[in-house]
């Protein structure tokens, strides 16, 4: 037997009373939802339709054509967020 039966009864009462606070979910009004919940499962998730097809990237630099300010960058170039090639200056070699 438990040393603190009052504490166990209080804990059980709190747990059971919290069940009464939550009524059926709005989704349960849809056909089959309440049955799925009653069986202990989760209803299927409805995914939103995609908003738009991804933009084309004709020069394959990773910047969509709609945002690309340099539409014909050379393949393999280092580019900035505008799709333009970044020029990295070469440092002169050190002479001794």
Protein backbone atom coordinates (compact mmCIF):
# COMPACT_ATOMS: atom_id res chain seq x y z
CA UNK A 1 0.00 0.00 0.00
CA UNK A 2 1.16 3.53 -0.75
CA UNK A 3 2.53 5.69 2.03
CA UNK A 4 0.60 8.69 0.72
CA UNK A 5 -2.81 7.52 -0.49
CA UNK A 6 -4.13 11.08 -0.42
CA UNK A 7 -1.43 12.19 -2.84
CA UNK A 8 -2.18 9.29 -5.20
CA UNK A 9 -5.91 10.08 -5.14
CA UNK A 10 -5.23 13.78 -5.77
CA UNK A 11 -2.95 12.97 -8.72
CA UNK A 12 -5.56 10.65 -10.23
CA UNK A 13 -8.25 13.30 -9.80
CA UNK A 14 -6.12 15.93 -11.57
CA UNK A 15 -5.38 13.60 -14.47
CA UNK A 16 -9.00 12.59 -14.91
CA UNK A 17 -10.33 16.14 -14.59
CA UNK A 18 -8.02 17.34 -17.34
CA UNK A 19 -9.73 14.91 -19.71
CA UNK A 20 -13.02 16.69 -19.10
CA UNK A 21 -11.53 20.06 -20.06
CA UNK A 22 -10.98 19.07 -23.65
CA UNK A 23 -14.01 18.32 -25.77
CA UNK A 24 -14.05 16.86 -29.26
CA UNK A 25 -11.73 18.52 -31.72
CA UNK A 26 -13.16 20.53 -34.61
CA UNK A 27 -11.60 18.04 -37.02
CA UNK A 28 -13.75 15.32 -35.47
CA UNK A 29 -16.72 16.78 -37.33
CA UNK A 30 -15.24 15.54 -40.59
CA UNK A 31 -16.33 12.05 -41.65
CA UNK A 32 -14.27 9.28 -40.08
CA UNK A 33 -12.10 11.51 -37.87
CA UNK A 34 -13.82 10.68 -34.56
CA UNK A 35 -13.62 6.96 -35.34
CA UNK A 36 -9.89 7.19 -36.03
CA UNK A 37 -9.32 9.02 -32.73
CA UNK A 38 -11.51 6.54 -30.84
CA UNK A 39 -9.38 3.71 -32.22
CA UNK A 40 -6.28 5.41 -30.77
CA UNK A 41 -4.85 6.66 -34.03
CA UNK A 42 -4.24 10.05 -35.53
CA UNK A 43 -6.32 11.30 -38.43
CA UNK A 44 -4.55 11.79 -41.74
CA UNK A 45 -2.82 15.12 -42.22
CA UNK A 46 -4.06 17.24 -45.08
CA UNK A 47 -1.12 18.79 -46.91
CA UNK A 48 -1.58 22.17 -48.63
CA UNK A 49 -1.10 22.31 -52.37
CA UNK A 50 2.27 23.69 -53.49
CA UNK A 51 2.05 27.43 -54.12
CA UNK A 52 4.06 27.60 -57.34
CA UNK A 53 6.49 25.61 -59.42
CA UNK A 54 10.15 26.38 -58.72
CA UNK A 55 11.65 29.05 -60.96
CA UNK A 56 13.87 28.02 -63.85
CA UNK A 57 17.64 28.42 -63.60
CA UNK A 58 18.87 28.42 -67.18
CA UNK A 59 22.58 28.84 -66.37
CA UNK A 60 22.52 26.35 -63.45
CA UNK A 61 24.21 28.71 -61.01
CA UNK A 62 21.68 28.13 -58.23
CA UNK A 63 19.97 31.53 -58.61
CA UNK A 64 16.49 31.45 -60.19
CA UNK A 65 16.22 33.32 -63.50
CA UNK A 66 13.69 35.71 -61.94
CA UNK A 67 16.40 36.94 -59.51
CA UNK A 68 19.51 36.39 -61.68
CA UNK A 69 21.20 39.68 -62.63
CA UNK A 70 23.87 37.88 -64.65
CA UNK A 71 21.93 35.24 -66.60
CA UNK A 72 24.88 33.65 -68.41
CA UNK A 73 27.52 32.97 -65.75
CA UNK A 74 30.15 30.44 -66.71
CA UNK A 75 29.63 26.96 -65.30
CA UNK A 76 31.71 26.38 -62.17
CA UNK A 77 32.14 30.09 -61.41
CA UNK A 78 32.03 31.37 -57.86
CA UNK A 79 28.87 33.50 -57.75
CA UNK A 80 27.25 35.99 -55.40
CA UNK A 81 23.60 36.07 -54.31
CA UNK A 82 22.67 37.98 -57.49
CA UNK A 83 24.01 35.23 -59.76
CA UNK A 84 27.05 37.24 -60.87
CA UNK A 85 30.56 35.83 -60.95
CA UNK A 86 32.80 36.89 -58.08
CA UNK A 87 36.28 37.93 -59.15
CA UNK A 88 38.94 36.89 -56.66
CA UNK A 89 42.14 38.91 -57.19
CA UNK A 90 45.39 36.98 -57.25
CA UNK A 91 47.99 38.09 -54.77
CA UNK A 92 51.47 38.63 -56.16
CA UNK A 93 53.85 35.86 -55.25
CA UNK A 94 56.35 36.72 -52.57
CA UNK A 95 59.92 36.98 -53.75
CA UNK A 96 62.92 36.56 -51.46
